[in-house]
Amino acid sequence: MLEILSPDGTLLDEAPLNVDRTVPLYRQMIEARAYDRKGMALQKQGRLATYAPFEGQEAAQIGAAEPLGDEDWVVATYRDAALM
């Protein structure tokens, strides 16, 4: 089991990700959230026929894509826009 924090909330060891790596991931999550909200707005305006929102799933999708290399494949579904 991976443990980063002790039960009292102190850091057990050095964090596995540094700021140079986490800030770009956070930016990608913010961009994905904006994309998702725009898609929902377009659907509500009748300018987009069908849209499946993924709000709340950004971190899972961005995090899953982070370790993938250029030669790796992704088979996404309609709610995986952040993954792509």
Protein backbone atom coordinates (compact mmCIF):
# COMPACT_ATOMS: atom_id res chain seq x y z
CA MET A 1 0.00 0.00 0.00
CA LEU A 2 1.24 3.47 -0.88
CA GLU A 3 1.21 5.83 2.10
CA ILE A 4 2.21 9.46 1.79
CA LEU A 5 0.80 10.83 5.05
CA SER A 6 0.85 9.43 8.57
CA PRO A 7 -2.42 9.24 10.54
CA ASP A 8 -1.64 12.64 12.11
CA GLY A 9 -1.22 14.23 8.65
CA THR A 10 2.56 14.60 8.54
CA LEU A 11 4.47 13.68 5.40
CA LEU A 12 6.04 10.23 5.78
CA ASP A 13 8.65 10.58 3.09
CA GLU A 14 9.49 12.83 0.21
CA ALA A 15 6.42 13.53 -1.94
CA PRO A 16 6.40 11.30 -5.06
CA LEU A 17 5.52 14.27 -7.30
CA ASN A 18 7.11 17.68 -7.18
CA VAL A 19 5.61 21.06 -8.05
CA ASP A 20 7.21 21.05 -11.51
CA ARG A 21 5.16 17.96 -12.31
CA THR A 22 1.92 18.65 -10.44
CA VAL A 23 1.25 22.23 -11.60
CA PRO A 24 0.93 21.22 -15.30
CA LEU A 25 -1.40 18.39 -14.28
CA TYR A 26 -3.55 20.80 -12.28
CA ARG A 27 -3.68 23.17 -15.26
CA GLN A 28 -4.86 20.31 -17.45
CA MET A 29 -7.63 19.57 -14.94
CA ILE A 30 -8.73 23.21 -14.99
CA GLU A 31 -8.77 23.20 -18.81
CA ALA A 32 -10.77 19.96 -18.82
CA ARG A 33 -13.31 21.46 -16.40
CA ALA A 34 -13.68 24.55 -18.64
CA TYR A 35 -14.14 22.32 -21.71
CA ASP A 36 -16.77 20.29 -19.89
CA ARG A 37 -18.70 23.35 -18.75
CA LYS A 38 -18.62 24.79 -22.28
CA GLY A 39 -19.98 21.52 -23.64
CA MET A 40 -22.82 21.58 -21.11
CA ALA A 41 -23.62 25.21 -21.94
CA LEU A 42 -23.73 24.46 -25.67
CA GLN A 43 -26.07 21.54 -25.06
CA LYS A 44 -28.41 23.64 -22.92
CA GLN A 45 -28.49 26.28 -25.68
CA GLY A 46 -29.45 23.62 -28.21
CA ARG A 47 -26.22 24.11 -30.14
CA LEU A 48 -24.92 20.64 -29.29
CA ALA A 49 -27.23 17.66 -29.63
CA THR A 50 -25.82 15.32 -27.01
CA TYR A 51 -23.12 15.87 -24.43
CA ALA A 52 -22.13 13.58 -21.58
CA PRO A 53 -20.51 15.65 -18.80
CA PHE A 54 -17.49 14.36 -16.90
CA GLU A 55 -17.25 16.95 -14.11
CA GLY A 56 -15.59 15.43 -11.07
CA GLN A 57 -13.66 12.87 -13.13
CA GLU A 58 -10.89 15.20 -14.31
CA ALA A 59 -8.23 14.04 -11.86
CA ALA A 60 -8.84 10.36 -12.60
CA GLN A 61 -8.55 10.92 -16.34
CA ILE A 62 -5.56 13.28 -16.26
CA GLY A 63 -3.81 11.08 -13.70
CA ALA A 64 -4.40 7.95 -15.76
CA ALA A 65 -2.95 9.60 -18.87
CA GLU A 66 0.12 11.09 -17.12
CA PRO A 67 2.37 7.99 -17.24
CA LEU A 68 1.46 7.08 -20.83
CA GLY A 69 4.12 7.34 -23.51
CA ASP A 70 3.93 8.38 -27.15
CA GLU A 71 3.48 4.79 -28.30
CA ASP A 72 0.73 3.92 -25.79
CA TRP A 73 -2.87 3.59 -26.90
CA VAL A 74 -6.02 4.92 -25.26
CA VAL A 75 -9.49 3.59 -26.01
CA ALA A 76 -11.78 6.26 -24.64
CA THR A 77 -15.54 6.54 -24.26
CA TYR A 78 -17.85 9.53 -24.56
CA ARG A 79 -17.04 10.75 -21.02
CA ASP A 80 -13.26 10.58 -21.41
CA ALA A 81 -12.56 13.93 -23.08
CA ALA A 82 -10.04 14.90 -20.38
CA LEU A 83 -8.13 11.67 -20.99
CA MET A 84 -7.63 12.54 -24.63
